[in-house]
């Protein structure tokens, strides 16, 4: 009985819609359907209660890199994002030497087995030198299915996604291999034509890695990959909603064309997220973060982001003016489904983990709970509810 908590009075966003003056009941680590009459109640009147955020594309944070950090540093990066509402994080690697990536996959697969991260995402080395972005060109290679298989095996069942330039030699065979092994084949850092992208989708690709970024622009005679990715219902498009990677009109075009069922908001965060300006390393490359924007020291390409998903959520609600229910799909439910964890997280339903975020009326973060424990305690929520502010 002592493990029960009742969160009451908030706008509660459920898969079926928003319930005003709703209640979410916590029993230990999970969401429950009922509570004893004397269970403690936290009044969240005037606040939003949404599922914990799920980030399927994240390279680090809090000064720590998932590609190169120690286990403790990786955990610090994960914790940094939890403080911003991301209760489920996949660890993304940037391009590296194959032996190094195999070693990293083995190391981080243990954290995935322990439930600290939600699997591994290899962004590179199987990407196009024409669209390399912040990846070391000297380490890029064609997507040989045997090497793709090597990375999958190194992940010991924890590999969730591989980003590929599917137009390269071996690309389509690698997509088929990934699909056969239940690993997401994501089209990204690609110079593919429209027709080549359609072929990759038909081969089994299901995700567009940060749509628009690191791929040819939409053209009226040569539509390129963007049109193919937006029009196909089998594809979920990642979007980095930080105001830097995408013009608001581009985000609106993607969101409204694909629909909220096919968008996943991601951070593509690097280690400066939640840490501040300065000089960092992204894989083998030097990055300078200035005014929160990360760029390569050499050449000036955007190098990931310093975004956290609470900021992406607020921007979607207050700048893009998207419905809150649609934002929740993009920031929680859709990525949870893709990562194969929707049975446990991604929505506020009885039996699921008690992972949730409290937002105030301005969509600023006010509380974070993971597995029934407050990571960020909503003291401000309690005060506002009492004073009626």
Protein backbone atom coordinates (compact mmCIF):
# COMPACT_ATOMS: atom_id res chain seq x y z
CA UNK A 1 0.00 0.00 0.00
CA UNK A 2 2.88 2.31 0.81
CA UNK A 3 4.09 2.02 -2.77
CA UNK A 4 0.96 3.60 -4.22
CA UNK A 5 0.96 7.20 -5.44
CA UNK A 6 -1.85 9.08 -7.13
CA UNK A 7 -1.08 11.94 -9.50
CA UNK A 8 -4.27 13.94 -9.90
CA UNK A 9 -5.70 17.02 -11.56
CA UNK A 10 -3.46 17.22 -14.63
CA UNK A 11 -4.21 17.18 -18.36
CA UNK A 12 -3.30 13.49 -18.80
CA UNK A 13 -2.35 12.49 -22.36
CA UNK A 14 -3.41 8.91 -23.06
CA UNK A 15 -3.29 6.95 -26.35
CA UNK A 16 -7.00 7.67 -26.72
CA UNK A 17 -6.66 11.43 -26.16
CA UNK A 18 -6.31 13.95 -23.34
CA UNK A 19 -8.25 13.49 -20.12
CA UNK A 20 -8.88 16.72 -18.22
CA UNK A 21 -8.52 16.55 -14.46
CA UNK A 22 -7.12 13.06 -14.95
CA UNK A 23 -5.50 10.62 -12.55
CA UNK A 24 -2.48 8.36 -12.98
CA UNK A 25 -1.95 5.73 -10.28
CA UNK A 26 1.51 4.39 -9.52
CA UNK A 27 2.07 1.07 -7.77
CA UNK A 28 5.78 0.64 -7.12
CA UNK A 29 7.55 0.74 -10.49
CA UNK A 30 4.44 0.47 -12.65
CA UNK A 31 1.26 2.26 -13.60
CA UNK A 32 -1.78 0.72 -11.92
CA UNK A 33 -5.49 0.72 -12.56
CA UNK A 34 -6.59 1.44 -9.01
CA UNK A 35 -5.28 2.58 -5.63
CA UNK A 36 -6.25 2.24 -1.97
CA UNK A 37 -8.44 5.01 -0.62
CA UNK A 38 -5.65 6.30 1.61
CA UNK A 39 -2.96 6.44 -1.09
CA UNK A 40 -1.08 9.79 -1.10
CA UNK A 41 -2.26 12.24 -3.77
CA UNK A 42 -0.10 14.81 -5.58
CA UNK A 43 -2.19 17.63 -6.99
CA UNK A 44 -0.96 18.55 -10.49
CA UNK A 45 -3.80 20.88 -11.42
CA UNK A 46 -2.85 23.08 -14.36
CA UNK A 47 -0.07 20.77 -15.50
CA UNK A 48 0.36 18.25 -18.30
CA UNK A 49 1.15 14.62 -17.54
CA UNK A 50 2.72 12.81 -20.50
CA UNK A 51 4.69 9.59 -21.01
CA UNK A 52 8.45 9.66 -20.49
CA UNK A 53 10.26 10.65 -23.67
CA UNK A 54 11.98 8.02 -25.84
CA UNK A 55 15.03 9.07 -27.86
CA UNK A 56 16.03 6.63 -30.59
CA UNK A 57 18.97 8.74 -31.90
CA UNK A 58 21.31 10.18 -29.28
CA UNK A 59 25.12 10.32 -29.17
CA UNK A 60 25.60 11.58 -25.63
CA UNK A 61 25.18 14.41 -23.16
CA UNK A 62 26.39 15.86 -19.90
CA UNK A 63 29.93 16.00 -21.31
CA UNK A 64 29.90 12.26 -22.12
CA UNK A 65 30.06 10.52 -25.50
CA UNK A 66 28.30 7.22 -26.10
CA UNK A 67 30.82 6.50 -28.87
CA UNK A 68 33.97 6.85 -26.76
CA UNK A 69 33.08 7.38 -23.07
CA UNK A 70 33.68 5.00 -20.20
CA UNK A 71 30.74 3.10 -18.77
CA UNK A 72 30.42 5.68 -16.00
CA UNK A 73 30.52 8.51 -18.52
CA UNK A 74 27.86 6.84 -20.66
CA UNK A 75 25.65 6.49 -17.59
CA UNK A 76 26.23 10.17 -16.81
CA UNK A 77 25.11 11.05 -20.34
CA UNK A 78 22.01 8.90 -19.97
CA UNK A 79 21.25 10.52 -16.61
CA UNK A 80 21.62 14.01 -18.09
CA UNK A 81 18.88 13.24 -20.62
CA UNK A 82 16.71 11.68 -17.93
CA UNK A 83 16.82 14.99 -16.09
CA UNK A 84 15.25 16.46 -19.24
CA UNK A 85 12.46 13.88 -19.46
CA UNK A 86 14.05 11.22 -21.67
CA UNK A 87 13.43 8.12 -19.60
CA UNK A 88 14.40 5.77 -22.47
CA UNK A 89 17.51 6.37 -24.60
CA UNK A 90 19.16 4.40 -27.38
CA UNK A 91 22.92 4.89 -27.63
CA UNK A 92 24.06 6.05 -31.06
CA UNK A 93 27.63 5.65 -32.33
CA UNK A 94 29.27 7.86 -34.94
CA UNK A 95 31.59 6.43 -37.58
CA UNK A 96 34.67 4.69 -36.24
CA UNK A 97 37.12 1.97 -37.10
CA UNK A 98 35.32 -1.38 -37.35
CA UNK A 99 37.30 -3.03 -34.57
CA UNK A 100 36.61 -0.05 -32.32
CA UNK A 101 32.87 -0.15 -33.05
CA UNK A 102 32.78 -3.89 -32.36
CA UNK A 103 34.48 -3.30 -29.00
CA UNK A 104 32.10 -0.44 -28.12
CA UNK A 105 29.08 -2.52 -29.09
CA UNK A 106 30.18 -5.30 -26.75
CA UNK A 107 30.72 -2.84 -23.91
CA UNK A 108 27.42 -0.97 -24.26
CA UNK A 109 25.37 -4.10 -24.91
CA UNK A 110 25.84 -4.86 -21.21
CA UNK A 111 24.21 -1.53 -20.32
CA UNK A 112 21.35 -2.42 -22.65
CA UNK A 113 20.97 -5.81 -20.97
CA UNK A 114 20.80 -3.99 -17.62
CA UNK A 115 18.05 -1.68 -18.91
CA UNK A 116 20.13 1.51 -18.72
CA UNK A 117 19.90 2.08 -22.47
CA UNK A 118 17.39 0.83 -25.02
CA UNK A 119 19.82 -0.69 -27.48
CA UNK A 120 22.47 0.43 -29.96
CA UNK A 121 22.30 2.54 -33.11
CA UNK A 122 25.20 2.54 -35.59
CA UNK A 123 25.22 5.81 -37.56
CA UNK A 124 28.04 4.96 -39.90
CA UNK A 125 30.48 3.85 -41.15
CA UNK A 126 28.26 2.71 -44.05
CA UNK A 127 27.38 6.20 -45.26
CA UNK A 128 28.08 8.38 -48.28
CA UNK A 129 31.22 10.53 -48.35
CA UNK A 130 29.12 13.05 -50.32
CA UNK A 131 26.82 13.49 -47.31
CA UNK A 132 29.15 12.62 -44.47
CA UNK A 133 28.25 15.56 -42.23
CA UNK A 134 30.23 15.23 -39.00
CA UNK A 135 31.73 11.83 -39.79
CA UNK A 136 35.40 11.07 -40.50
CA UNK A 137 35.59 10.45 -44.25
CA UNK A 138 38.73 8.32 -43.92
CA UNK A 139 36.76 5.73 -41.93
CA UNK A 140 33.73 5.46 -44.25
CA UNK A 141 33.11 2.24 -46.15
CA UNK A 142 30.54 0.63 -48.38
CA UNK A 143 27.83 -1.40 -46.59
CA UNK A 144 29.24 -4.90 -47.00
CA UNK A 145 26.60 -7.24 -45.54
CA UNK A 146 29.33 -9.28 -43.84
CA UNK A 147 30.56 -6.20 -41.98
CA UNK A 148 27.02 -5.11 -41.14
CA UNK A 149 26.49 -8.60 -39.71
CA UNK A 150 29.69 -8.22 -37.69
CA UNK A 151 28.29 -5.13 -35.95
CA UNK A 152 24.93 -6.78 -35.31
CA UNK A 153 26.64 -9.79 -33.75
CA UNK A 154 28.86 -7.55 -31.60
CA UNK A 155 25.71 -6.01 -30.15
CA UNK A 156 24.66 -9.41 -28.71
CA UNK A 157 21.01 -8.90 -29.55
CA UNK A 158 21.00 -5.22 -28.54
CA UNK A 159 21.54 -3.65 -31.99
CA UNK A 160 18.38 -1.73 -32.82
CA UNK A 161 19.23 0.40 -35.87
CA UNK A 162 21.89 0.91 -38.53
CA UNK A 163 21.96 4.06 -40.67
CA UNK A 164 23.02 3.35 -44.26
CA UNK A 165 23.52 5.11 -47.55
CA UNK A 166 21.58 2.40 -49.29
CA UNK A 167 22.65 3.47 -52.80
CA UNK A 168 26.23 2.34 -52.13
CA UNK A 169 27.45 -1.11 -53.24
CA UNK A 170 25.98 -3.72 -50.90
CA UNK A 171 23.35 -1.30 -49.63
CA UNK A 172 20.22 -3.18 -50.61
CA UNK A 173 21.63 -6.54 -49.50
CA UNK A 174 22.53 -4.95 -46.17
CA UNK A 175 18.99 -3.62 -45.79
CA UNK A 176 17.63 -7.10 -46.40
CA UNK A 177 20.06 -8.57 -43.87
CA UNK A 178 19.05 -6.04 -41.22
CA UNK A 179 15.35 -6.66 -41.85
CA UNK A 180 15.87 -10.42 -41.52
CA UNK A 181 17.54 -9.90 -38.14
CA UNK A 182 14.88 -7.53 -36.82
CA UNK A 183 17.20 -4.52 -36.86
CA UNK A 184 15.97 -1.20 -38.27
CA UNK A 185 17.56 -0.24 -41.57
CA UNK A 186 17.56 3.57 -41.57
CA UNK A 187 18.22 5.59 -44.73
CA UNK A 188 20.51 8.50 -43.97
CA UNK A 189 23.72 10.36 -44.84
CA UNK A 190 22.73 9.41 -48.35
CA UNK A 191 23.09 10.78 -51.86
CA UNK A 192 20.38 8.49 -53.23
CA UNK A 193 17.95 9.37 -55.98
CA UNK A 194 14.21 9.05 -55.55
CA UNK A 195 14.26 5.71 -57.39
CA UNK A 196 17.14 4.34 -55.31
CA UNK A 197 15.32 5.31 -52.12
CA UNK A 198 12.14 3.56 -53.26
CA UNK A 199 14.22 0.43 -53.90
CA UNK A 200 15.68 0.61 -50.38
CA UNK A 201 12.22 0.94 -48.83
CA UNK A 202 11.02 -2.03 -50.85
CA UNK A 203 14.06 -3.97 -49.56
CA UNK A 204 12.96 -3.33 -45.97
CA UNK A 205 14.16 0.09 -44.78
CA UNK A 206 11.73 1.63 -42.27
CA UNK A 207 13.31 4.83 -40.88
CA UNK A 208 14.65 8.09 -42.34
CA UNK A 209 17.63 9.26 -40.29
CA UNK A 210 17.10 12.98 -39.48
CA UNK A 211 15.01 13.73 -42.55
CA UNK A 212 16.32 16.62 -44.70
CA UNK A 213 19.73 16.66 -43.01
CA UNK A 214 22.64 14.95 -44.81
CA UNK A 215 20.66 14.12 -47.95
CA UNK A 216 19.85 15.87 -51.28
CA UNK A 217 17.29 18.64 -51.08
CA UNK A 218 13.77 18.17 -52.40
CA UNK A 219 13.73 19.00 -56.10
CA UNK A 220 10.86 19.38 -58.51
CA UNK A 221 12.51 17.36 -61.31
CA UNK A 222 14.77 15.18 -59.18
CA UNK A 223 12.74 14.76 -55.98
CA UNK A 224 15.49 12.76 -54.30
CA UNK A 225 15.08 10.74 -51.12
CA UNK A 226 12.94 13.23 -49.18
CA UNK A 227 9.85 12.76 -51.36
CA UNK A 228 10.20 8.97 -51.33
CA UNK A 229 10.61 8.89 -47.55
CA UNK A 230 7.70 11.21 -46.85
CA UNK A 231 5.23 9.52 -49.16
CA UNK A 232 5.74 5.90 -48.07
CA UNK A 233 3.65 4.74 -45.11
CA UNK A 234 6.30 2.17 -44.18
CA UNK A 235 8.76 4.91 -43.21
CA UNK A 236 9.02 6.79 -39.92
CA UNK A 237 10.91 10.07 -40.33
CA UNK A 238 13.24 11.38 -37.64
CA UNK A 239 13.13 15.15 -37.10
CA UNK A 240 15.52 17.31 -35.04
CA UNK A 241 13.26 20.07 -33.74
CA UNK A 242 15.87 22.49 -32.36
CA UNK A 243 15.28 25.47 -34.66
CA UNK A 244 18.75 25.01 -36.18
CA UNK A 245 18.56 21.78 -38.16
CA UNK A 246 15.18 22.54 -39.73
CA UNK A 247 13.23 25.59 -40.78
CA UNK A 248 9.78 25.50 -39.13
CA UNK A 249 8.15 25.23 -42.56
CA UNK A 250 10.23 22.13 -43.36
CA UNK A 251 9.20 20.54 -40.09
CA UNK A 252 5.55 21.39 -40.73
CA UNK A 253 5.75 19.94 -44.24
CA UNK A 254 7.16 16.67 -42.92
CA UNK A 255 4.87 16.43 -39.92
CA UNK A 256 1.69 17.09 -41.82
CA UNK A 257 2.62 14.97 -44.83
CA UNK A 258 3.75 11.95 -42.84
CA UNK A 259 1.22 12.45 -40.04
CA UNK A 260 1.86 12.06 -36.31
CA UNK A 261 1.98 8.25 -36.61
CA UNK A 262 5.13 8.44 -38.76
CA UNK A 263 7.28 11.06 -37.03
CA UNK A 264 9.90 10.50 -34.33
CA UNK A 265 11.39 13.54 -32.67
CA UNK A 266 15.06 12.86 -31.88
CA UNK A 267 17.86 14.89 -30.35
CA UNK A 268 20.86 13.60 -32.34
CA UNK A 269 22.55 15.00 -29.22
CA UNK A 270 26.30 15.00 -28.79
CA UNK A 271 28.13 15.21 -25.49
CA UNK A 272 27.61 18.97 -25.09
CA UNK A 273 23.86 18.46 -24.57
CA UNK A 274 22.99 19.63 -21.08
CA UNK A 275 26.62 20.69 -20.56
CA UNK A 276 27.38 23.96 -22.33
CA UNK A 277 29.51 25.66 -24.98
CA UNK A 278 33.11 24.63 -25.58
CA UNK A 279 35.28 22.29 -27.63
CA UNK A 280 34.41 18.61 -27.85
CA UNK A 281 35.24 15.48 -29.86
CA UNK A 282 32.67 13.70 -32.01
CA UNK A 283 34.32 10.42 -32.86
CA UNK A 284 37.68 11.47 -34.32
CA UNK A 285 36.59 15.02 -35.22
CA UNK A 286 36.85 18.27 -33.23
CA UNK A 287 33.59 20.13 -32.58
CA UNK A 288 33.02 23.63 -31.31
CA UNK A 289 29.76 24.42 -29.55
CA UNK A 290 28.85 28.09 -29.59
CA UNK A 291 25.51 29.46 -28.40
CA UNK A 292 24.29 25.87 -28.17
CA UNK A 293 25.01 25.04 -31.84
CA UNK A 294 27.57 22.30 -32.52
CA UNK A 295 29.73 22.60 -35.65
CA UNK A 296 32.89 20.90 -36.88
CA UNK A 297 36.02 22.97 -36.30
CA UNK A 298 37.14 21.93 -39.82
CA UNK A 299 34.57 22.91 -42.43
CA UNK A 300 31.76 24.08 -40.15
CA UNK A 301 29.26 21.26 -40.75
CA UNK A 302 26.53 20.93 -38.11
CA UNK A 303 27.79 18.22 -35.74
CA UNK A 304 24.78 16.72 -34.03
CA UNK A 305 22.91 18.92 -31.58
CA UNK A 306 22.79 20.03 -27.97
CA UNK A 307 19.05 19.40 -27.93
CA UNK A 308 17.12 17.72 -25.14
CA UNK A 309 13.65 16.34 -25.80
CA UNK A 310 11.94 18.62 -23.29
CA UNK A 311 13.05 21.56 -25.46
CA UNK A 312 11.91 19.77 -28.61
CA UNK A 313 8.51 19.17 -26.98
CA UNK A 314 8.13 22.80 -25.90
CA UNK A 315 9.12 24.08 -29.32
CA UNK A 316 6.62 21.75 -31.00
CA UNK A 317 3.85 23.02 -28.72
CA UNK A 318 4.65 26.75 -28.61
CA UNK A 319 6.39 27.51 -31.94
CA UNK A 320 5.13 24.80 -34.30
CA UNK A 321 1.70 24.80 -32.59
CA UNK A 322 1.28 21.05 -32.96
CA UNK A 323 -1.42 19.28 -30.93
CA UNK A 324 -0.01 17.92 -27.67
CA UNK A 325 -1.35 14.46 -28.47
CA UNK A 326 0.59 14.45 -31.76
CA UNK A 327 3.78 15.59 -30.02
CA UNK A 328 3.44 12.75 -27.52
CA UNK A 329 3.20 10.28 -30.39
CA UNK A 330 6.37 11.70 -31.92
CA UNK A 331 8.36 11.94 -28.71
CA UNK A 332 7.23 8.78 -26.91
CA UNK A 333 4.94 6.25 -28.59
CA UNK A 334 6.45 6.05 -32.08
CA UNK A 335 10.10 5.70 -31.04
CA UNK A 336 9.09 3.20 -28.35
CA UNK A 337 7.39 1.05 -30.98
CA UNK A 338 10.38 1.23 -33.30
CA UNK A 339 12.79 0.26 -30.52
CA UNK A 340 10.55 -2.66 -29.57
CA UNK A 341 9.79 -1.40 -26.05
CA UNK A 342 6.21 -0.15 -26.43
CA UNK A 343 5.00 -3.02 -24.25
CA UNK A 344 6.80 -1.30 -21.34
CA UNK A 345 7.07 2.42 -22.14
CA UNK A 346 5.79 5.09 -24.50
CA UNK A 347 2.28 5.58 -23.11
CA UNK A 348 0.48 5.98 -19.79
CA UNK A 349 -1.32 2.66 -19.46
CA UNK A 350 -1.77 0.23 -16.56
CA UNK A 351 0.96 -2.40 -16.42
CA UNK A 352 3.59 -0.24 -18.10
CA UNK A 353 6.62 1.24 -16.38
CA UNK A 354 5.82 4.37 -14.39
CA UNK A 355 7.87 6.57 -16.73
CA UNK A 356 6.29 10.00 -17.04
CA UNK A 357 6.96 13.70 -17.40
CA UNK A 358 5.17 16.63 -15.75
CA UNK A 359 5.06 19.85 -17.79
CA UNK A 360 3.76 23.16 -16.53
CA UNK A 361 1.23 25.28 -18.39
CA UNK A 362 4.08 26.83 -20.43
CA UNK A 363 5.34 23.35 -21.39
CA UNK A 364 8.45 23.72 -19.25
CA UNK A 365 9.65 20.61 -17.47
CA UNK A 366 8.32 20.36 -13.91
CA UNK A 367 8.92 16.72 -12.98
CA UNK A 368 10.32 13.42 -14.25
CA UNK A 369 9.52 9.94 -12.95
CA UNK A 370 11.27 6.75 -14.06
CA UNK A 371 10.08 3.34 -12.88
CA UNK A 372 8.07 4.94 -10.11
CA UNK A 373 10.88 7.09 -8.69
CA UNK A 374 11.08 10.84 -9.09
CA UNK A 375 14.25 11.90 -10.90
CA UNK A 376 13.03 15.49 -10.93
CA UNK A 377 10.58 16.02 -8.08
CA UNK A 378 7.70 18.34 -9.03
CA UNK A 379 8.01 20.64 -6.01
CA UNK A 380 7.02 23.61 -8.18
CA UNK A 381 3.98 21.67 -9.33
CA UNK A 382 2.86 21.13 -5.75
CA UNK A 383 3.34 24.81 -4.92
CA UNK A 384 1.47 26.03 -7.99
CA UNK A 385 -1.38 23.64 -7.32
CA UNK A 386 -1.66 24.95 -3.74
CA UNK A 387 -1.52 28.66 -4.55
CA UNK A 388 -3.57 28.45 -7.71
CA UNK A 389 -0.91 30.28 -9.70
